[in-house]
Amino acid sequence: MRRMKIRSYAYTKGPDEIKFKDGSRWRHPYCAKNSYQLDMYEKVSQEAVEKAGIEMSDIDLIIVASAGMVQMIPCTAALLQERIAPNSGIPCMDVNTTCTSFITALDVASSFLVTELYQRILIVSGDLVSHFINPNQEESYRLFSDSGVAFIVETTKENKGILYSKQETWSEGAHTTEIRGGLTAYGPSLYSEDTKEDFLFDMDGKSVLMLTLDKLPKMLKETLQHNNIQLSDISKIVPHQASRALFIVERKLKLKKGQLINYFEELGNMVSGSVPYTLGLAMDQGEIKEGDLILLIGTAAGLTMNCMLIQL
């Protein structure tokens, strides 16, 4: 076990509710130049620090774990530090595995904590996805919500932490979810009315689902076998809230009723904010409690998949 405990957390979502036939989405109004993403990050970071009863100077490392950066350089964590801890020297880094970035960041953070390189780490996730979705692609346009989420994790001698983690990437799915434009493969100078959809999110949902249903059950089986447990031993499963396909995954895995936490109808797909927002909300609502054995699980662009078994 990589011993680690959650000290505090906070979350927020886009201010404007948009209703679709499959639920509510939460977004910011479009503005070509804005500070919405950093505004959300600053809010939840300050709230998490306040809830923890500490000062920002007690944070040893800031990790921003998101799909979308605020700008090309520097890292988004540095831009967040400028707001919440200027002149502090707190090291900063970004982690990006798109929708599963938070799980990957927990993996990285726990490894730092067990070596005692750092004692307390702030992880911030969530995306301003409303500015990158394509209104002409209904399949994906109706899925997404904006969010910001912060978790503070720290070292502990208690029997808490990460029991197991696994990440796989299946690059046959690399082009099933993508934004092609904006960086070196398709630079900003190529943007025009004719090419603008290359700078927006593009998804082949059916291909993503088929690859997920083929690969994810095998990954889950390996996770259970490695830890000598059954699905029934897991208190709650916290999935990336990708789409209504959660119901298909639930049936495919033959989960007991209520074991998989599903807030998709209420919140939509929050991209990197999805898993931590769901985790925080489930803890606040009493669905997840201290002492529970939980599984974080999700798929992301790449196609990347993550499983993480945590003893709370």
Foldseek 3Di string as FASTA:
>chain_A
DLFKDWLFKDKDWADDWDADPLAIAHAHDDDPDDCVVLVQQLVGVVVRCVSSVHAPLLAQEEEEFAADAPDPDDGNQVVSCCPRPPPNPRYYDYAYPKQARVVVVLVVVSVCQSVVVDFKYKYKYFDNQQHFADPVPVVPNPFEITMMMIIMMGGDPDPWWWPDKDKDFDQVQQPQWDQQEPDDRHHPVNDDPVCVNSRHIHHDVVVLVVVCLVPVVVVVVVVCVVVVHDLVLALAEQEQQADPCVVVVCVSNVDDPPRYDHCCNHYGGRINVRRRVSVVVCVVVVSDDQQGWYWYWYAGRSRMIMIITIGD
